[in-house]
Amino acid sequence: MSTAVKSYAAVDLGASSGRVMVGRVDPDSLELAEAHRFPNRPVRVPEGLRWDVLGLYAGVLDGLKAAGAVDSVGIDSWAVDYGLLDADGALLGNPVHYRDRRTDGIAEKVWATLPAGELYAATGLQYAPFNTLYQLTAARGSAQFAAAKRLLLIPDLLTYWLTGRQGTELTNASTTQLIDPGTRDWAYGVADRLGVDLSLFAPLRRPGDAAGMLRPEVLEETGLTGPVPVTAVGSHDTASAVAAVPADGERFAYICTGTWSLAGLELDAPVLTEESRAANFTNELGLDGTVRYLRNIMGLWLLQECVRAWGAPDLGALLLEAGKVPALRSVVDAGDAAFLAPGRMPERIAEACRDSGQPVPATRAEITRCILDSLALAHRKAVEDAQRLAGHSVDVVHIVGGGTRNALLCQLTADACGLPVVSGPTEAAALGNVLVQARAHGLVGDLAGMRRLLTRTQSLTRYEPRGDTRRWRAAQARLARD
C-alpha cells in the first residue's frame, strides 16, 4: 500500500448549500479543509419549485479551481431528485425540487396499481411523497418527460457534465423506490407493473467505481492539470455520512443530522416486514453490501425555517436561552408531513401545540426548545423502533453532520435515548466521500479500517445520558395520544 499523501476533492451538496472540501489522506492521517462554499437557493417559477442546477455546477467548478491539484473528485448530494436529458444529452429543464407540490396525491394513484404493502416488500423504501417513483408518475404526460431519453440523479448529472460519461450510482438509486435491496439491482417487476421504462436510467455504478475523467474544457476552466479521475462515491450524502460514522463494531445507531435527521442502524440485510412498513422505516443501500435501515425525521429544517422567519437572530444566544426553558413542556411530531413545506414555521408549531392541548410556546426560546425536545424524542423513538424491528441492539448512538454543532440537541438525544451519544464528525458526508475515493486508490482498507482512521483523526465529543428516561417515555405516550 502506498504511503504517499494524496488529495481528494469532495463535492458535497446539501439542500441549502454546497461545498467543495479537500481531503488529504495517507494510511495514518486524514485532514479535511474547505476550498469553497456556495449557496443552494431553490427558485420558485410559475410552474413550481426548481433547483438552480446551473448555479450549483458553477459552484462546483469554482470549488475545483479553489481546491488546486487533486488526485480524484467525488460528488454526493441529497437524494430522489433528477434531471432529464434529451437525445443529444442536453438538460431539458431545471430539476424539480422534492418540496414541490406536484406529487400531492400521487402515491395513492401508484398504490391503486401496486398496493403499498407489495411495493414495500419489493423495494423496502419508506413512504415519502417525494420519492422518485412518485415524481416520475407525476411527470407523465408532460412535454418535457415525453422528450426525455435519459434520467440522471443530481450527483450523476453533475458527474456527466464533468466527464461526459453517464451512470447511476447505487446508493442514490436505492432512494428511487425502483431498486431491490436484496439483489442490489433494479426492481424489474415493480417497474413493469407501474410502466416505468428503466432504459431511462444509465447503467448502475457502485461506490469506488471509476466514473470518468475531467473533460478538457473542465480542466481549462478550473486550471487543473489532467488527467484527473472522477470516482463514484456513496453519492447519496447519507450513504457517505454513514460511511464516516466512527463506530467500533456493529452495536451502534447513527443519526445523520442537518436539514433532515436520518436515524437508524447499519445492517447486513433489509427488513421488509409489514411491521417495518407501518413504522415507515426505509432500507437504503450503503457501502460494502450494507443496508441503511432508518427513518426520516424532519430534522433541523424546523429550526432553520424558524430562524429564517425571525430574521436570522444569533443562534448561539438562542440555544443558550432555549436551554433554560423547562424540558418537554410541549412537543410536536417531528416526522409530521405538515411541517414539510416552507413558510410560517413558528406559527405552525404553535398551532400544533394548541391543537393537541399542550401549552403554546410563545417566545423564540420556547419554540426552539419545543423543536429540540421534539427532535430528541423523535430520535429516541427511531432508535428504539429500529432495534425492535431489526432485532439488533445497540450500546451507543453516533450523531454526525451539522447537528453536531448543536450541543443541546446532542445532550437531549442522549437523555432521551438513555444511551451515550458520540458526536462528530461534523463534515461526515465529505469525509465519507473522501475515504471512498482514497480506498479506490489503495490508501485505506475496508469500512472498519476507514472508521478506525476516523476515530484516530477526528474530533469527537461524548455525551452521557442524564437522569432516567421516564419523562421521555411519558412525553412519547402523550404525543401518541394526540
Protein backbone atom coordinates (compact mmCIF):
# COMPACT_ATOMS: atom_id res chain seq x y z
CA MET A 1 0.00 0.00 0.00
CA SER A 2 1.30 3.43 -0.97
CA THR A 3 2.25 5.75 1.89
CA ALA A 4 2.24 8.98 -0.13
CA VAL A 5 -0.25 11.64 0.95
CA LYS A 6 -2.90 12.21 -1.71
CA SER A 7 -5.57 14.86 -2.08
CA TYR A 8 -9.21 14.27 -2.93
CA ALA A 9 -11.90 16.81 -3.77
CA ALA A 10 -15.27 16.00 -2.19
CA VAL A 11 -18.19 17.86 -3.73
CA ASP A 12 -20.91 17.73 -1.07
CA LEU A 13 -24.24 19.30 -1.97
CA GLY A 14 -26.86 19.91 0.69
CA ALA A 15 -30.36 21.31 0.48
CA SER A 16 -29.26 24.82 1.47
CA SER A 17 -25.59 24.99 0.46
CA GLY A 18 -22.86 23.21 -1.43
CA ARG A 19 -19.22 22.87 -0.64
CA VAL A 20 -16.04 21.55 -2.15
CA MET A 21 -13.80 20.05 0.52
CA VAL A 22 -10.27 18.79 0.07
CA GLY A 23 -9.19 15.72 2.00
CA ARG A 24 -5.52 14.88 2.41
CA VAL A 25 -5.11 11.20 3.20
CA ASP A 26 -2.47 8.63 3.90
CA PRO A 27 -2.85 5.39 5.87
CA ASP A 28 -2.26 7.22 9.17
CA SER A 29 -3.72 10.68 8.65
CA LEU A 30 -6.89 12.32 7.41
CA GLU A 31 -7.24 16.09 7.15
CA LEU A 32 -10.18 17.97 5.66
CA ALA A 33 -10.24 21.60 4.58
CA GLU A 34 -12.91 23.69 2.91
CA ALA A 35 -11.95 25.01 -0.52
CA HIS A 36 -15.21 26.71 -1.43
CA ARG A 37 -18.74 27.03 -0.12
CA PHE A 38 -21.68 28.34 -2.11
CA PRO A 39 -25.42 28.77 -1.57
CA ASN A 40 -28.06 26.41 -2.91
CA ARG A 41 -31.11 28.61 -3.44
CA PRO A 42 -34.15 26.89 -4.94
CA VAL A 43 -36.20 29.12 -7.21
CA ARG A 44 -39.98 29.33 -7.41
CA VAL A 45 -41.10 29.83 -11.00
CA PRO A 46 -44.65 29.78 -12.41
CA GLU A 47 -44.57 26.01 -12.91
CA GLY A 48 -43.32 25.27 -9.40
CA LEU A 49 -40.22 24.95 -7.19
CA ARG A 50 -36.97 24.19 -9.03
CA TRP A 51 -33.28 23.66 -8.24
CA ASP A 52 -30.82 26.11 -9.79
CA VAL A 53 -28.62 23.27 -11.02
CA LEU A 54 -26.57 25.54 -13.31
CA GLY A 55 -25.70 27.68 -10.31
CA LEU A 56 -24.69 24.56 -8.43
CA TYR A 57 -22.49 23.40 -11.29
CA ALA A 58 -20.83 26.82 -11.41
CA GLY A 59 -20.16 26.48 -7.69
CA VAL A 60 -18.59 23.07 -8.26
CA LEU A 61 -16.29 24.46 -10.96
CA ASP A 62 -15.30 27.39 -8.74
CA GLY A 63 -14.64 24.93 -5.92
CA LEU A 64 -12.43 22.70 -8.04
CA LYS A 65 -10.47 25.76 -9.12
CA ALA A 66 -10.01 26.76 -5.48
CA ALA A 67 -9.09 23.20 -4.48
CA GLY A 68 -5.98 23.09 -6.66
CA ALA A 69 -4.26 19.88 -7.67
CA VAL A 70 -6.19 16.79 -6.60
CA ASP A 71 -5.86 13.08 -7.30
CA SER A 72 -9.60 12.47 -7.74
CA VAL A 73 -13.04 14.09 -7.48
CA GLY A 74 -16.21 12.61 -5.96
CA ILE A 75 -19.75 14.01 -5.75
CA ASP A 76 -22.53 13.40 -3.24
CA SER A 77 -25.84 15.21 -2.77
CA TRP A 78 -29.37 14.88 -1.46
CA ALA A 79 -31.46 12.08 -2.90
CA VAL A 80 -34.54 11.46 -5.10
CA ASP A 81 -34.31 14.45 -7.47
CA TYR A 82 -33.11 14.24 -11.06
CA GLY A 83 -32.56 15.98 -14.39
CA LEU A 84 -33.97 14.84 -17.71
CA LEU A 85 -31.81 14.86 -20.86
CA ASP A 86 -32.85 14.81 -24.50
CA ALA A 87 -31.43 12.56 -27.21
CA ASP A 88 -28.42 14.88 -27.58
CA GLY A 89 -27.65 14.76 -23.85
CA ALA A 90 -28.88 18.30 -23.21
CA LEU A 91 -30.73 19.12 -19.98
CA LEU A 92 -34.43 19.64 -20.67
CA GLY A 93 -35.14 21.91 -17.72
CA ASN A 94 -34.18 22.74 -14.16
CA PRO A 95 -34.72 19.71 -11.89
CA VAL A 96 -37.90 19.79 -9.83
CA HIS A 97 -37.40 20.31 -6.09
CA TYR A 98 -38.64 17.49 -3.86
CA ARG A 99 -40.70 20.01 -1.87
CA ASP A 100 -42.68 20.90 -4.99
CA ARG A 101 -46.38 20.08 -4.69
CA ARG A 102 -46.67 18.09 -7.92
CA THR A 103 -46.61 14.77 -6.05
CA ASP A 104 -49.60 15.58 -3.83
CA GLY A 105 -51.98 12.62 -4.09
CA ILE A 106 -49.73 10.69 -6.48
CA ALA A 107 -48.84 7.87 -4.09
CA GLU A 108 -52.49 6.79 -3.89
CA LYS A 109 -52.58 6.51 -7.69
CA VAL A 110 -49.49 4.28 -7.63
CA TRP A 111 -50.90 2.13 -4.85
CA ALA A 112 -54.06 1.56 -6.89
CA THR A 113 -51.88 -0.40 -9.31
CA LEU A 114 -49.30 -1.76 -6.87
CA PRO A 115 -50.51 -1.82 -3.24
CA ALA A 116 -48.28 -0.14 -0.71
CA GLY A 117 -47.51 -3.40 1.09
CA GLU A 118 -46.35 -5.12 -2.09
CA LEU A 119 -44.30 -2.09 -3.10
CA TYR A 120 -42.54 -2.09 0.27
CA ALA A 121 -41.89 -5.83 0.18
CA ALA A 122 -40.23 -5.39 -3.22
CA THR A 123 -38.22 -2.22 -2.59
CA GLY A 124 -38.04 -1.72 1.19
CA LEU A 125 -38.43 2.02 0.77
CA GLN A 126 -40.42 4.12 3.21
CA TYR A 127 -43.32 6.22 2.08
CA ALA A 128 -42.35 9.79 1.33
CA PRO A 129 -44.46 11.86 -1.05
CA PHE A 130 -41.37 12.94 -2.99
CA ASN A 131 -39.86 9.51 -3.72
CA THR A 132 -38.54 9.42 -7.28
CA LEU A 133 -41.13 6.86 -8.26
CA TYR A 134 -43.92 9.29 -7.38
CA GLN A 135 -42.11 12.15 -9.12
CA LEU A 136 -41.90 10.07 -12.30
CA THR A 137 -45.59 9.24 -12.08
CA ALA A 138 -46.42 12.93 -11.65
CA ALA A 139 -44.22 13.86 -14.63
CA ARG A 140 -46.01 11.56 -17.05
CA GLY A 141 -47.89 13.42 -19.75
CA SER A 142 -45.62 16.47 -19.64
CA ALA A 143 -43.88 17.60 -22.82
CA GLN A 144 -40.53 17.51 -21.03
CA PHE A 145 -40.95 13.90 -19.92
CA ALA A 146 -42.10 12.88 -23.41
CA ALA A 147 -38.86 14.29 -24.86
CA ALA A 148 -36.60 12.67 -22.24
CA LYS A 149 -34.18 9.96 -23.27
CA ARG A 150 -32.12 9.83 -20.07
CA LEU A 151 -32.70 10.47 -16.37
CA LEU A 152 -29.73 11.32 -14.16
CA LEU A 153 -29.92 11.80 -10.40
CA ILE A 154 -28.37 15.07 -9.25
CA PRO A 155 -24.81 13.84 -8.48
CA ASP A 156 -24.82 11.72 -11.63
CA LEU A 157 -25.90 14.75 -13.67
CA LEU A 158 -23.01 16.83 -12.36
CA THR A 159 -20.62 13.92 -12.91
CA TYR A 160 -21.84 13.72 -16.51
CA TRP A 161 -21.14 17.41 -17.07
CA LEU A 162 -17.65 16.98 -15.60
CA THR A 163 -16.75 13.84 -17.53
CA GLY A 164 -19.13 13.29 -20.41
CA ARG A 165 -19.94 9.83 -19.04
CA GLN A 166 -23.32 8.73 -17.70
CA GLY A 167 -24.02 6.36 -14.82
CA THR A 168 -26.43 5.77 -11.94
CA GLU A 169 -24.71 5.35 -8.58
CA LEU A 170 -26.30 2.62 -6.49
CA THR A 171 -26.68 4.22 -3.04
CA ASN A 172 -28.62 7.12 -4.52
CA ALA A 173 -30.54 4.85 -6.91
CA SER A 174 -31.77 2.96 -3.84
CA THR A 175 -33.83 6.04 -2.89
CA THR A 176 -35.82 5.96 -6.16
CA GLN A 177 -38.12 3.11 -4.99
CA LEU A 178 -37.01 1.21 -8.08
CA ILE A 179 -34.18 -0.87 -6.53
CA ASP A 180 -34.49 -4.33 -4.96
CA PRO A 181 -32.46 -4.08 -1.71
CA GLY A 182 -31.92 -7.84 -1.68
CA THR A 183 -30.41 -8.17 -5.14
CA ARG A 184 -28.97 -4.61 -5.16
CA ASP A 185 -30.25 -4.32 -8.72
CA TRP A 186 -33.31 -2.79 -10.37
CA ALA A 187 -36.71 -3.96 -9.14
CA TYR A 188 -37.76 -5.07 -12.61
CA GLY A 189 -41.16 -6.36 -11.50
CA VAL A 190 -42.09 -3.04 -9.89
CA ALA A 191 -41.02 -1.12 -12.97
CA ASP A 192 -43.01 -3.43 -15.26
CA ARG A 193 -46.21 -3.18 -13.23
CA LEU A 194 -46.00 0.59 -12.97
CA GLY A 195 -44.91 1.22 -16.54
CA VAL A 196 -41.53 2.73 -15.67
CA ASP A 197 -39.04 2.48 -18.52
CA LEU A 198 -35.76 1.54 -16.84
CA SER A 199 -33.86 2.34 -20.04
CA LEU A 200 -34.22 5.97 -18.94
CA PHE A 201 -31.57 5.22 -16.33
CA ALA A 202 -27.86 4.93 -17.10
CA PRO A 203 -26.06 1.72 -16.03
CA LEU A 204 -25.58 1.23 -12.29
CA ARG A 205 -22.28 2.14 -10.64
CA ARG A 206 -21.03 1.19 -7.18
CA PRO A 207 -19.05 3.33 -4.73
CA GLY A 208 -15.42 3.15 -5.75
CA ASP A 209 -16.10 2.62 -9.46
CA ALA A 210 -14.34 4.84 -11.98
CA ALA A 211 -16.77 7.46 -13.31
CA GLY A 212 -14.60 9.04 -15.99
CA MET A 213 -12.01 11.80 -16.35
CA LEU A 214 -12.49 15.55 -16.16
CA ARG A 215 -13.17 16.84 -19.67
CA PRO A 216 -10.54 19.09 -21.28
CA GLU A 217 -12.94 22.03 -21.06
CA VAL A 218 -13.33 21.45 -17.31
CA LEU A 219 -9.56 21.27 -16.86
CA GLU A 220 -9.20 24.56 -18.70
CA GLU A 221 -11.90 26.29 -16.64
CA THR A 222 -10.62 25.03 -13.30
CA GLY A 223 -6.91 25.34 -14.05
CA LEU A 224 -6.31 21.71 -13.11
CA THR A 225 -3.73 19.60 -14.88
CA GLY A 226 -5.08 16.32 -16.19
CA PRO A 227 -5.70 13.56 -16.14
CA VAL A 228 -7.99 13.91 -13.10
CA PRO A 229 -10.31 10.94 -12.46
CA VAL A 230 -13.80 11.23 -11.07
CA THR A 231 -14.64 8.39 -8.68
CA ALA A 232 -18.13 7.20 -7.84
CA VAL A 233 -18.66 7.55 -4.08
CA GLY A 234 -21.71 6.94 -1.92
CA SER A 235 -23.40 9.67 -3.92
CA HIS A 236 -26.40 9.87 -1.59
CA ASP A 237 -24.98 12.17 1.08
CA THR A 238 -26.42 9.97 3.82
CA ALA A 239 -24.54 6.96 2.43
CA SER A 240 -21.31 8.94 2.59
CA ALA A 241 -22.15 10.24 6.07
CA VAL A 242 -22.88 6.76 7.45
CA ALA A 243 -19.61 5.51 5.97
CA ALA A 244 -17.94 8.19 8.12
CA VAL A 245 -19.59 7.14 11.40
CA PRO A 246 -16.58 6.47 13.68
CA ALA A 247 -18.08 3.32 15.16
CA ASP A 248 -16.30 0.34 16.69
CA GLY A 249 -18.15 -2.87 15.91
CA GLU A 250 -21.80 -3.29 14.97
CA ARG A 251 -23.75 -2.33 18.11
CA PHE A 252 -24.36 1.30 17.22
CA ALA A 253 -27.15 3.53 15.98
CA TYR A 254 -26.50 6.64 13.95
CA ILE A 255 -28.27 9.92 13.43
CA CYS A 256 -27.19 11.95 10.41
CA THR A 257 -28.30 15.46 11.29
CA GLY A 258 -28.86 18.51 9.17
CA THR A 259 -31.92 19.71 7.32
CA TRP A 260 -33.16 16.15 7.93
CA SER A 261 -32.43 13.70 10.72
CA LEU A 262 -31.82 10.20 9.40
CA ALA A 263 -31.87 7.87 12.38
CA GLY A 264 -31.30 4.15 12.30
CA LEU A 265 -28.96 1.18 12.05
CA GLU A 266 -26.44 -0.33 9.67
CA LEU A 267 -27.50 -3.86 8.79
CA ASP A 268 -26.37 -6.74 6.59
CA ALA A 269 -29.82 -7.35 5.10
CA PRO A 270 -33.05 -5.38 4.59
CA VAL A 271 -36.06 -5.59 6.91
CA LEU A 272 -39.10 -5.96 4.65
CA THR A 273 -41.83 -6.86 7.13
CA GLU A 274 -45.26 -5.27 7.19
CA GLU A 275 -44.49 -4.02 10.69
CA SER A 276 -41.43 -2.24 9.35
CA ARG A 277 -43.51 -0.63 6.60
CA ALA A 278 -46.13 0.52 9.09
CA ALA A 279 -43.35 2.13 11.15
CA ASN A 280 -42.16 3.91 7.97
CA PHE A 281 -38.59 2.64 8.04
CA THR A 282 -36.58 2.61 4.86
CA ASN A 283 -33.94 0.21 3.54
CA GLU A 284 -31.39 2.20 1.57
CA LEU A 285 -28.12 0.77 0.33
CA GLY A 286 -24.73 1.61 1.78
CA LEU A 287 -21.13 0.61 1.27
CA ASP A 288 -19.90 -2.97 1.08
CA GLY A 289 -23.27 -4.69 0.98
CA THR A 290 -24.67 -2.81 3.97
CA VAL A 291 -28.23 -1.57 4.36
CA ARG A 292 -29.07 1.78 5.92
CA TYR A 293 -32.16 0.93 7.91
CA LEU A 294 -33.52 4.28 9.02
CA ARG A 295 -36.39 6.66 9.48
CA ASN A 296 -36.55 10.15 8.01
CA ILE A 297 -37.29 12.84 10.59
CA MET A 298 -37.94 16.46 9.65
CA GLY A 299 -34.69 17.48 11.35
CA LEU A 300 -33.22 20.91 11.86
CA TRP A 301 -35.36 22.16 8.97
CA LEU A 302 -37.87 23.07 11.68
CA LEU A 303 -35.37 25.34 13.41
CA GLN A 304 -33.86 26.64 10.15
CA GLU A 305 -37.28 27.79 8.96
CA CYS A 306 -38.00 29.48 12.30
CA VAL A 307 -34.64 31.25 12.28
CA ARG A 308 -35.33 32.44 8.73
CA ALA A 309 -38.75 33.74 9.78
CA TRP A 310 -37.18 35.54 12.74
CA GLY A 311 -34.66 37.38 10.57
CA ALA A 312 -31.60 35.23 11.40
CA PRO A 313 -31.00 36.02 15.10
CA ASP A 314 -27.80 34.86 16.80
CA LEU A 315 -28.18 31.08 17.01
CA GLY A 316 -25.77 30.61 19.91
CA ALA A 317 -27.68 33.03 22.09
CA LEU A 318 -30.99 31.48 21.06
CA LEU A 319 -29.81 27.98 22.04
CA LEU A 320 -28.48 29.31 25.36
CA GLU A 321 -31.93 30.73 26.16
CA ALA A 322 -33.64 27.55 24.95
CA GLY A 323 -31.52 25.55 27.39
CA LYS A 324 -33.13 27.49 30.27
CA VAL A 325 -36.70 26.65 29.19
CA PRO A 326 -38.31 23.77 31.14
CA ALA A 327 -37.91 20.46 29.34
CA LEU A 328 -40.73 18.69 27.49
CA ARG A 329 -43.30 21.36 28.21
CA SER A 330 -44.64 20.96 24.67
CA VAL A 331 -43.63 18.58 21.87
CA VAL A 332 -44.70 18.02 18.28
CA ASP A 333 -44.32 15.10 15.89
CA ALA A 334 -41.05 15.94 14.12
CA GLY A 335 -41.90 13.47 11.36
CA ASP A 336 -45.24 15.05 10.51
CA ALA A 337 -45.54 15.90 6.80
CA ALA A 338 -47.45 19.01 7.88
CA PHE A 339 -44.04 20.61 8.50
CA LEU A 340 -42.60 19.69 5.10
CA ALA A 341 -43.40 22.87 3.19
CA PRO A 342 -41.58 26.15 3.86
CA GLY A 343 -43.15 29.19 5.49
CA ARG A 344 -44.80 30.21 8.78
CA MET A 345 -42.95 27.57 10.79
CA PRO A 346 -43.15 29.31 14.21
CA GLU A 347 -46.91 29.74 13.81
CA ARG A 348 -47.39 26.16 12.57
CA ILE A 349 -45.51 24.73 15.56
CA ALA A 350 -47.56 26.87 17.94
CA GLU A 351 -50.76 25.75 16.20
CA ALA A 352 -49.76 22.08 16.51
CA CYS A 353 -49.22 22.52 20.25
CA ARG A 354 -52.54 24.35 20.63
CA ASP A 355 -54.43 21.71 18.65
CA SER A 356 -53.02 18.94 20.85
CA GLY A 357 -53.98 20.72 24.08
CA GLN A 358 -50.41 21.46 25.18
CA PRO A 359 -49.02 24.78 26.40
CA VAL A 360 -48.41 27.00 23.39
CA PRO A 361 -44.77 28.14 23.09
CA ALA A 362 -44.80 31.91 22.79
CA THR A 363 -41.20 33.14 22.80
CA ARG A 364 -38.43 32.27 20.36
CA ALA A 365 -36.62 30.36 23.11
CA GLU A 366 -39.75 28.34 23.94
CA ILE A 367 -40.35 27.47 20.29
CA THR A 368 -36.70 26.49 19.90
CA ARG A 369 -36.86 24.27 22.99
CA CYS A 370 -40.05 22.67 21.69
CA ILE A 371 -38.27 21.86 18.42
CA LEU A 372 -35.17 20.40 20.08
CA ASP A 373 -37.17 18.35 22.61
CA SER A 374 -39.32 17.08 19.73
CA LEU A 375 -36.29 16.12 17.67
CA ALA A 376 -34.68 14.31 20.60
CA LEU A 377 -37.96 12.49 21.20
CA ALA A 378 -38.14 11.51 17.51
CA HIS A 379 -34.52 10.31 17.68
CA ARG A 380 -35.39 8.19 20.71
CA LYS A 381 -38.37 6.60 19.04
CA ALA A 382 -36.48 5.88 15.81
CA VAL A 383 -33.59 4.23 17.67
CA GLU A 384 -35.98 2.19 19.83
CA ASP A 385 -38.14 1.12 16.90
CA ALA A 386 -35.18 0.22 14.69
CA GLN A 387 -33.71 -2.07 17.36
CA ARG A 388 -37.04 -3.81 17.88
CA LEU A 389 -37.91 -4.21 14.21
CA ALA A 390 -34.45 -5.40 13.17
CA GLY A 391 -33.68 -7.48 16.27
CA HIS A 392 -30.42 -5.57 16.58
CA SER A 393 -29.42 -4.00 19.93
CA VAL A 394 -27.11 -1.02 20.30
CA ASP A 395 -24.89 0.39 23.04
CA VAL A 396 -24.17 3.86 21.66
CA VAL A 397 -25.67 6.48 19.36
CA HIS A 398 -23.42 8.32 16.92
CA ILE A 399 -24.50 11.78 15.75
CA VAL A 400 -22.78 13.07 12.62
CA GLY A 401 -23.38 16.08 10.38
CA GLY A 402 -24.39 19.66 11.06
CA GLY A 403 -26.33 18.85 14.21
CA THR A 404 -23.07 18.03 15.99
CA ARG A 405 -22.62 21.79 16.43
CA ASN A 406 -25.81 21.85 18.50
CA ALA A 407 -24.62 20.65 21.89
CA LEU A 408 -28.08 21.00 23.43
CA LEU A 409 -29.62 18.69 20.82
CA CYS A 410 -26.84 16.14 21.32
CA GLN A 411 -27.30 16.13 25.11
CA LEU A 412 -31.09 15.92 24.83
CA THR A 413 -30.73 12.97 22.44
CA ALA A 414 -28.50 11.17 24.97
CA ASP A 415 -31.05 11.90 27.71
CA ALA A 416 -33.97 10.74 25.59
CA CYS A 417 -32.33 7.53 24.36
CA GLY A 418 -30.76 6.68 27.71
CA LEU A 419 -27.57 5.91 25.81
CA PRO A 420 -24.24 7.67 25.40
CA VAL A 421 -24.03 9.86 22.32
CA VAL A 422 -20.77 10.31 20.42
CA SER A 423 -20.93 13.50 18.38
CA GLY A 424 -18.79 14.05 15.30
CA PRO A 425 -17.52 14.42 12.72
CA THR A 426 -19.47 17.44 11.50
CA GLU A 427 -18.46 17.11 7.85
CA ALA A 428 -19.29 13.41 7.79
CA ALA A 429 -20.61 13.29 4.22
CA ALA A 430 -17.48 14.96 2.85
CA LEU A 431 -15.24 12.65 4.89
CA GLY A 432 -17.07 9.55 3.69
CA ASN A 433 -16.80 10.86 0.14
CA VAL A 434 -13.03 11.38 0.54
CA LEU A 435 -12.48 7.99 2.15
CA VAL A 436 -14.24 6.07 -0.63
CA GLN A 437 -12.01 7.84 -3.13
CA ALA A 438 -8.93 7.07 -1.04
CA ARG A 439 -9.93 3.42 -0.76
CA ALA A 440 -10.46 3.19 -4.52
CA HIS A 441 -6.89 4.38 -4.91
CA GLY A 442 -5.42 1.97 -2.36
CA LEU A 443 -4.78 4.30 0.57
CA VAL A 444 -7.22 2.85 3.13
CA GLY A 445 -8.72 -0.57 3.72
CA ASP A 446 -12.22 -1.83 4.41
CA LEU A 447 -15.11 0.00 6.05
CA ALA A 448 -13.88 -0.92 9.54
CA GLY A 449 -10.44 0.42 8.62
CA MET A 450 -11.95 3.65 7.37
CA ARG A 451 -13.75 4.06 10.69
CA ARG A 452 -10.62 3.37 12.73
CA LEU A 453 -8.85 6.13 10.79
CA LEU A 454 -11.73 8.50 11.54
CA THR A 455 -11.63 7.67 15.25
CA ARG A 456 -7.89 8.40 15.38
CA THR A 457 -8.02 11.64 13.43
CA GLN A 458 -11.34 13.41 14.03
CA SER A 459 -12.56 15.49 16.96
CA LEU A 460 -15.35 13.65 18.79
CA THR A 461 -17.45 14.64 21.83
CA ARG A 462 -19.17 12.18 24.17
CA TYR A 463 -22.45 12.99 25.95
CA GLU A 464 -23.58 10.77 28.80
CA PRO A 465 -27.32 10.43 29.46
CA ARG A 466 -28.66 12.41 32.42
CA GLY A 467 -31.44 11.17 34.68
CA ASP A 468 -33.74 8.37 33.63
CA THR A 469 -35.95 8.11 30.56
CA ARG A 470 -39.33 8.08 32.32
CA ARG A 471 -40.22 11.67 31.44
CA TRP A 472 -39.28 10.99 27.82
CA ARG A 473 -41.47 7.89 27.79
CA ALA A 474 -44.31 9.97 29.19
CA ALA A 475 -43.84 12.65 26.53
CA GLN A 476 -43.76 9.95 23.84
CA ALA A 477 -47.00 8.49 25.18
CA ARG A 478 -48.56 11.97 25.29
CA LEU A 479 -47.63 12.58 21.68
CA ALA A 480 -49.02 9.20 20.64
CA ARG A 481 -52.39 10.10 22.17
CA ASP A 482 -52.64 13.45 20.39
